[in-house]
Amino acid sequence: MATNDSTAPHTATVSREWTASAANPLAGRTGERVTATDRVEDWRETPGWTWRWCRDSQGREGWAPESLLTVAGSIATLREDYDARELTVAVGARLTVERELAGWAFCRAEDGARGWVPLECLAPAMDK
């Protein structure tokens, strides 16, 4: 099952704007336990791009990729550090894509802000 997990950093240009959906989303460190709900979805109905709605010990909620969780009933353990923060981006912005996972890219903006953006909002950057 493909997870679309890529870790080679590269540059992308925003082709469609995206607005972050939560101000204080789920975050945790490797080995932390979070509450795993029954809300599970394949992003854009693509098998292998599976996300689960979770809640951390501070009450923050958000989507987490199933591939980063070990789920046992209603408890999930994070397999690595994870932050569900999304990045608000405007068309034309250049981003450094640090990781691609399950239909999303974890990016760094030129101002240093970091967060997730759907891959469908990004295009390969043209060299200047």
N, C-alpha and C. Protein backbone atom coordinates (compact mmCIF):
# COMPACT_ATOMS: atom_id res chain seq x y z
N MET A 1 0.85 -1.18 0.00
CA MET A 1 0.00 0.00 0.00
C MET A 1 0.89 1.24 0.00
N ALA A 2 0.79 2.05 -1.01
CA ALA A 2 1.61 3.26 -1.13
C ALA A 2 1.12 4.33 -0.16
N THR A 3 2.06 5.03 0.44
CA THR A 3 1.68 6.11 1.33
C THR A 3 2.08 7.46 0.77
N ASN A 4 2.73 7.49 -0.40
CA ASN A 4 3.17 8.73 -1.01
C ASN A 4 4.09 9.47 -0.05
N ASP A 5 4.99 8.76 0.60
CA ASP A 5 5.89 9.34 1.58
C ASP A 5 7.23 9.65 0.93
N SER A 6 7.54 10.90 0.83
CA SER A 6 8.79 11.35 0.23
C SER A 6 9.46 12.32 1.19
N THR A 7 10.76 12.19 1.37
CA THR A 7 11.44 13.06 2.32
C THR A 7 12.53 13.92 1.68
N ALA A 8 12.72 13.85 0.36
CA ALA A 8 13.73 14.67 -0.29
C ALA A 8 13.21 16.10 -0.43
N PRO A 9 13.82 17.07 0.27
CA PRO A 9 13.34 18.46 0.19
C PRO A 9 13.42 18.99 -1.24
N HIS A 10 12.40 19.74 -1.62
CA HIS A 10 12.38 20.38 -2.93
C HIS A 10 11.51 21.64 -2.86
N THR A 11 11.57 22.45 -3.89
CA THR A 11 10.83 23.70 -3.90
C THR A 11 9.56 23.55 -4.74
N ALA A 12 8.49 24.17 -4.26
CA ALA A 12 7.22 24.16 -4.97
C ALA A 12 6.63 25.56 -4.96
N THR A 13 5.73 25.79 -5.90
CA THR A 13 5.00 27.05 -5.98
C THR A 13 3.53 26.76 -5.70
N VAL A 14 2.89 27.62 -4.94
CA VAL A 14 1.47 27.43 -4.64
C VAL A 14 0.66 27.77 -5.89
N SER A 15 -0.13 26.81 -6.35
CA SER A 15 -0.96 26.99 -7.55
C SER A 15 -2.43 27.24 -7.19
N ARG A 16 -2.78 26.93 -5.94
CA ARG A 16 -4.14 27.16 -5.45
C ARG A 16 -4.04 27.51 -3.97
N GLU A 17 -4.69 28.59 -3.56
CA GLU A 17 -4.59 29.01 -2.16
C GLU A 17 -5.17 27.97 -1.22
N TRP A 18 -4.67 27.99 0.01
CA TRP A 18 -5.15 27.08 1.06
C TRP A 18 -5.18 27.86 2.36
N THR A 19 -6.25 27.67 3.14
CA THR A 19 -6.38 28.32 4.44
C THR A 19 -6.37 27.25 5.52
N ALA A 20 -5.49 27.42 6.50
CA ALA A 20 -5.39 26.46 7.61
C ALA A 20 -6.74 26.36 8.31
N SER A 21 -7.09 25.15 8.72
CA SER A 21 -8.42 24.92 9.29
C SER A 21 -8.48 24.98 10.82
N ALA A 22 -7.34 24.97 11.50
CA ALA A 22 -7.36 24.98 12.97
C ALA A 22 -6.21 25.83 13.50
N ALA A 23 -6.50 26.60 14.55
CA ALA A 23 -5.48 27.47 15.12
C ALA A 23 -4.55 26.73 16.09
N ASN A 24 -5.04 25.69 16.74
CA ASN A 24 -4.27 24.97 17.75
C ASN A 24 -4.48 23.46 17.59
N PRO A 25 -3.90 22.88 16.53
CA PRO A 25 -4.17 21.47 16.21
C PRO A 25 -3.35 20.47 17.03
N LEU A 26 -3.72 19.22 16.88
CA LEU A 26 -3.03 18.08 17.47
C LEU A 26 -1.52 18.16 17.25
N ALA A 27 -0.76 17.83 18.28
CA ALA A 27 0.71 17.74 18.16
C ALA A 27 1.21 16.78 19.24
N GLY A 28 2.31 16.10 18.95
CA GLY A 28 2.86 15.19 19.94
C GLY A 28 4.24 14.68 19.55
N ARG A 29 4.87 14.03 20.51
CA ARG A 29 6.22 13.49 20.32
C ARG A 29 6.15 11.98 20.13
N THR A 30 7.22 11.44 19.59
CA THR A 30 7.33 10.00 19.40
C THR A 30 7.01 9.28 20.71
N GLY A 31 6.14 8.27 20.63
CA GLY A 31 5.78 7.48 21.80
C GLY A 31 4.60 8.01 22.59
N GLU A 32 4.18 9.25 22.33
CA GLU A 32 3.02 9.80 23.03
C GLU A 32 1.76 9.09 22.60
N ARG A 33 0.83 8.97 23.52
CA ARG A 33 -0.46 8.35 23.23
C ARG A 33 -1.49 9.44 23.01
N VAL A 34 -2.34 9.21 22.03
CA VAL A 34 -3.43 10.13 21.73
C VAL A 34 -4.72 9.30 21.64
N THR A 35 -5.85 9.97 21.79
CA THR A 35 -7.13 9.31 21.64
C THR A 35 -7.43 9.19 20.15
N ALA A 36 -7.66 7.97 19.70
CA ALA A 36 -7.97 7.71 18.29
C ALA A 36 -9.47 7.52 18.16
N THR A 37 -10.09 8.36 17.36
CA THR A 37 -11.54 8.24 17.16
C THR A 37 -11.82 7.23 16.04
N ASP A 38 -13.10 6.96 15.82
CA ASP A 38 -13.51 6.07 14.74
C ASP A 38 -13.58 6.81 13.40
N ARG A 39 -13.28 8.11 13.42
CA ARG A 39 -13.34 8.92 12.18
C ARG A 39 -12.06 8.69 11.38
N VAL A 40 -12.17 7.90 10.33
CA VAL A 40 -11.05 7.54 9.47
C VAL A 40 -11.45 7.80 8.03
N GLU A 41 -10.57 8.50 7.28
CA GLU A 41 -10.90 8.83 5.89
C GLU A 41 -9.67 8.67 5.00
N ASP A 42 -9.91 8.26 3.78
CA ASP A 42 -8.87 8.27 2.75
C ASP A 42 -8.95 9.63 2.06
N TRP A 43 -7.85 10.38 2.10
CA TRP A 43 -7.82 11.70 1.49
C TRP A 43 -8.09 11.57 -0.01
N ARG A 44 -9.07 12.31 -0.47
CA ARG A 44 -9.47 12.31 -1.88
C ARG A 44 -9.77 10.89 -2.38
N GLU A 45 -10.26 10.06 -1.43
CA GLU A 45 -10.65 8.69 -1.74
C GLU A 45 -9.53 7.88 -2.39
N THR A 46 -8.29 8.18 -1.97
CA THR A 46 -7.13 7.48 -2.51
C THR A 46 -6.65 6.45 -1.49
N PRO A 47 -6.74 5.16 -1.81
CA PRO A 47 -6.25 4.13 -0.88
C PRO A 47 -4.78 4.37 -0.53
N GLY A 48 -4.48 4.21 0.75
CA GLY A 48 -3.11 4.43 1.23
C GLY A 48 -2.89 5.84 1.75
N TRP A 49 -3.79 6.77 1.41
CA TRP A 49 -3.71 8.13 1.93
C TRP A 49 -4.71 8.26 3.08
N THR A 50 -4.55 7.41 4.07
CA THR A 50 -5.54 7.30 5.15
C THR A 50 -5.16 8.15 6.35
N TRP A 51 -6.15 8.89 6.86
CA TRP A 51 -5.98 9.80 7.99
C TRP A 51 -7.01 9.45 9.06
N ARG A 52 -6.63 9.63 10.34
CA ARG A 52 -7.53 9.36 11.48
C ARG A 52 -7.61 10.61 12.34
N TRP A 53 -8.82 10.95 12.78
CA TRP A 53 -9.04 12.09 13.66
C TRP A 53 -8.63 11.68 15.07
N CYS A 54 -7.73 12.47 15.70
CA CYS A 54 -7.20 12.15 17.02
C CYS A 54 -7.25 13.38 17.94
N ARG A 55 -7.12 13.12 19.23
CA ARG A 55 -7.10 14.18 20.25
C ARG A 55 -5.93 13.91 21.19
N ASP A 56 -5.13 14.95 21.47
CA ASP A 56 -3.99 14.76 22.37
C ASP A 56 -4.37 15.04 23.81
N SER A 57 -3.44 14.88 24.73
CA SER A 57 -3.72 15.03 26.16
C SER A 57 -4.09 16.46 26.55
N GLN A 58 -3.81 17.43 25.69
CA GLN A 58 -4.16 18.83 25.97
C GLN A 58 -5.48 19.22 25.32
N GLY A 59 -6.17 18.24 24.72
CA GLY A 59 -7.46 18.50 24.11
C GLY A 59 -7.40 19.02 22.68
N ARG A 60 -6.20 19.11 22.13
CA ARG A 60 -6.06 19.55 20.74
C ARG A 60 -6.45 18.40 19.82
N GLU A 61 -7.14 18.72 18.73
CA GLU A 61 -7.61 17.70 17.81
C GLU A 61 -7.08 17.95 16.41
N GLY A 62 -7.05 16.89 15.61
CA GLY A 62 -6.65 17.03 14.23
C GLY A 62 -6.46 15.69 13.57
N TRP A 63 -6.22 15.75 12.26
CA TRP A 63 -5.99 14.55 11.47
C TRP A 63 -4.54 14.11 11.61
N ALA A 64 -4.34 12.82 11.71
CA ALA A 64 -2.99 12.23 11.73
C ALA A 64 -2.94 11.11 10.71
N PRO A 65 -1.86 11.01 9.95
CA PRO A 65 -1.74 9.92 8.98
C PRO A 65 -1.70 8.57 9.71
N GLU A 66 -2.51 7.63 9.26
CA GLU A 66 -2.52 6.29 9.86
C GLU A 66 -1.12 5.68 9.89
N SER A 67 -0.30 5.99 8.89
CA SER A 67 1.03 5.40 8.81
C SER A 67 1.95 5.87 9.94
N LEU A 68 1.56 6.93 10.65
CA LEU A 68 2.37 7.42 11.77
C LEU A 68 1.81 7.00 13.12
N LEU A 69 0.78 6.14 13.10
CA LEU A 69 0.12 5.72 14.33
C LEU A 69 0.17 4.21 14.50
N THR A 70 0.27 3.78 15.76
CA THR A 70 0.02 2.39 16.13
C THR A 70 -1.27 2.43 16.94
N VAL A 71 -2.34 1.89 16.37
CA VAL A 71 -3.66 2.01 16.97
C VAL A 71 -4.04 0.72 17.69
N ALA A 72 -4.50 0.88 18.93
CA ALA A 72 -5.01 -0.24 19.72
C ALA A 72 -6.31 0.23 20.35
N GLY A 73 -7.42 -0.11 19.72
CA GLY A 73 -8.72 0.36 20.22
C GLY A 73 -8.84 1.86 20.05
N SER A 74 -9.12 2.55 21.17
CA SER A 74 -9.30 4.00 21.11
C SER A 74 -8.02 4.77 21.44
N ILE A 75 -6.91 4.06 21.57
CA ILE A 75 -5.62 4.70 21.86
C ILE A 75 -4.66 4.48 20.70
N ALA A 76 -3.98 5.55 20.32
CA ALA A 76 -2.95 5.45 19.27
C ALA A 76 -1.65 6.00 19.84
N THR A 77 -0.55 5.37 19.45
CA THR A 77 0.78 5.83 19.85
C THR A 77 1.45 6.42 18.62
N LEU A 78 2.02 7.62 18.78
CA LEU A 78 2.72 8.26 17.66
C LEU A 78 4.03 7.54 17.39
N ARG A 79 4.28 7.18 16.16
CA ARG A 79 5.52 6.50 15.76
C ARG A 79 6.67 7.48 15.57
N GLU A 80 6.35 8.77 15.45
CA GLU A 80 7.36 9.82 15.30
C GLU A 80 6.73 11.14 15.72
N ASP A 81 7.56 12.16 15.92
CA ASP A 81 7.03 13.48 16.24
C ASP A 81 6.05 13.90 15.15
N TYR A 82 4.95 14.53 15.56
CA TYR A 82 3.93 14.92 14.59
C TYR A 82 3.24 16.20 15.03
N ASP A 83 2.96 17.06 14.07
CA ASP A 83 2.24 18.31 14.30
C ASP A 83 1.24 18.45 13.16
N ALA A 84 -0.05 18.54 13.45
CA ALA A 84 -1.10 18.62 12.44
C ALA A 84 -1.30 20.04 11.91
N ARG A 85 -0.45 20.95 12.28
CA ARG A 85 -0.60 22.35 11.85
C ARG A 85 -0.61 22.46 10.32
N GLU A 86 -1.58 23.19 9.80
CA GLU A 86 -1.65 23.47 8.38
C GLU A 86 -1.07 24.86 8.13
N LEU A 87 -0.68 25.10 6.89
CA LEU A 87 -0.08 26.36 6.50
C LEU A 87 -1.02 27.10 5.56
N THR A 88 -1.35 28.34 5.90
CA THR A 88 -2.16 29.18 5.01
C THR A 88 -1.22 29.75 3.95
N VAL A 89 -1.58 29.54 2.67
CA VAL A 89 -0.70 29.96 1.58
C VAL A 89 -1.49 30.65 0.48
N ALA A 90 -0.83 31.56 -0.23
CA ALA A 90 -1.43 32.29 -1.34
C ALA A 90 -0.81 31.83 -2.66
N VAL A 91 -1.57 31.93 -3.72
CA VAL A 91 -1.08 31.57 -5.05
C VAL A 91 0.19 32.33 -5.36
N GLY A 92 1.18 31.62 -5.88
CA GLY A 92 2.46 32.22 -6.25
C GLY A 92 3.55 32.12 -5.20
N ALA A 93 3.17 31.81 -3.96
CA ALA A 93 4.17 31.68 -2.89
C ALA A 93 5.09 30.51 -3.19
N ARG A 94 6.37 30.66 -2.86
CA ARG A 94 7.34 29.56 -3.00
C ARG A 94 7.54 28.92 -1.64
N LEU A 95 7.50 27.60 -1.64
CA LEU A 95 7.64 26.83 -0.41
C LEU A 95 8.73 25.79 -0.56
N THR A 96 9.36 25.44 0.55
CA THR A 96 10.25 24.29 0.57
C THR A 96 9.44 23.12 1.10
N VAL A 97 9.29 22.10 0.27
CA VAL A 97 8.56 20.90 0.68
C VAL A 97 9.55 20.01 1.42
N GLU A 98 9.30 19.79 2.71
CA GLU A 98 10.19 18.97 3.53
C GLU A 98 9.80 17.50 3.51
N ARG A 99 8.50 17.25 3.27
CA ARG A 99 8.02 15.86 3.27
C ARG A 99 6.68 15.80 2.57
N GLU A 100 6.44 14.72 1.86
CA GLU A 100 5.13 14.44 1.28
C GLU A 100 4.61 13.17 1.93
N LEU A 101 3.33 13.21 2.33
CA LEU A 101 2.76 12.05 3.01
C LEU A 101 1.24 12.04 2.82
N ALA A 102 0.74 10.98 2.25
CA ALA A 102 -0.70 10.72 2.16
C ALA A 102 -1.47 11.88 1.54
N GLY A 103 -0.93 12.44 0.44
CA GLY A 103 -1.63 13.49 -0.29
C GLY A 103 -1.37 14.90 0.20
N TRP A 104 -0.50 15.05 1.19
CA TRP A 104 -0.18 16.35 1.77
C TRP A 104 1.33 16.56 1.76
N ALA A 105 1.73 17.83 1.85
CA ALA A 105 3.15 18.18 1.92
C ALA A 105 3.38 19.01 3.17
N PHE A 106 4.41 18.65 3.94
CA PHE A 106 4.81 19.49 5.07
C PHE A 106 5.83 20.48 4.53
N CYS A 107 5.50 21.76 4.62
CA CYS A 107 6.26 22.80 3.93
C CYS A 107 6.79 23.87 4.88
N ARG A 108 7.82 24.56 4.39
CA ARG A 108 8.36 25.74 5.09
C ARG A 108 8.23 26.91 4.13
N ALA A 109 7.58 27.97 4.60
CA ALA A 109 7.42 29.19 3.80
C ALA A 109 8.68 30.04 3.90
N GLU A 110 8.80 31.02 3.03
CA GLU A 110 9.98 31.89 3.03
C GLU A 110 10.12 32.65 4.34
N ASP A 111 9.01 32.91 5.06
CA ASP A 111 9.08 33.61 6.35
C ASP A 111 9.39 32.67 7.51
N GLY A 112 9.58 31.36 7.22
CA GLY A 112 9.93 30.38 8.25
C GLY A 112 8.75 29.61 8.81
N ALA A 113 7.52 30.04 8.51
CA ALA A 113 6.34 29.32 8.99
C ALA A 113 6.32 27.93 8.37
N ARG A 114 5.85 26.94 9.15
CA ARG A 114 5.83 25.56 8.68
C ARG A 114 4.45 24.95 8.91
N GLY A 115 4.05 24.05 8.01
CA GLY A 115 2.78 23.35 8.17
C GLY A 115 2.43 22.55 6.94
N TRP A 116 1.30 21.85 7.01
CA TRP A 116 0.84 20.97 5.95
C TRP A 116 0.00 21.72 4.93
N VAL A 117 0.18 21.37 3.66
CA VAL A 117 -0.59 21.91 2.53
C VAL A 117 -0.95 20.73 1.63
N PRO A 118 -2.19 20.67 1.12
CA PRO A 118 -2.52 19.57 0.20
C PRO A 118 -1.63 19.62 -1.04
N LEU A 119 -1.18 18.46 -1.49
CA LEU A 119 -0.35 18.40 -2.70
C LEU A 119 -1.05 19.01 -3.90
N GLU A 120 -2.36 18.90 -3.95
CA GLU A 120 -3.11 19.44 -5.09
C GLU A 120 -3.02 20.96 -5.19
N CYS A 121 -2.53 21.62 -4.16
CA CYS A 121 -2.37 23.08 -4.17
C CYS A 121 -0.97 23.51 -4.61
N LEU A 122 -0.11 22.55 -4.92
CA LEU A 122 1.29 22.85 -5.23
C LEU A 122 1.66 22.42 -6.64
N ALA A 123 2.61 23.15 -7.20
CA ALA A 123 3.19 22.80 -8.51
C ALA A 123 4.70 22.89 -8.38
N PRO A 124 5.44 22.14 -9.19
CA PRO A 124 6.91 22.26 -9.15
C PRO A 124 7.32 23.71 -9.38
N ALA A 125 8.29 24.18 -8.61
CA ALA A 125 8.76 25.55 -8.75
C ALA A 125 9.61 25.68 -10.01
N MET A 126 9.42 26.76 -10.69
CA MET A 126 10.24 27.07 -11.86
C MET A 126 11.46 27.83 -11.37
N ASP A 127 12.65 27.45 -11.81
CA ASP A 127 13.86 28.15 -11.39
C ASP A 127 13.82 29.59 -11.88
N LYS A 128 14.32 30.48 -11.03
CA LYS A 128 14.34 31.91 -11.40
C LYS A 128 15.51 32.21 -12.28
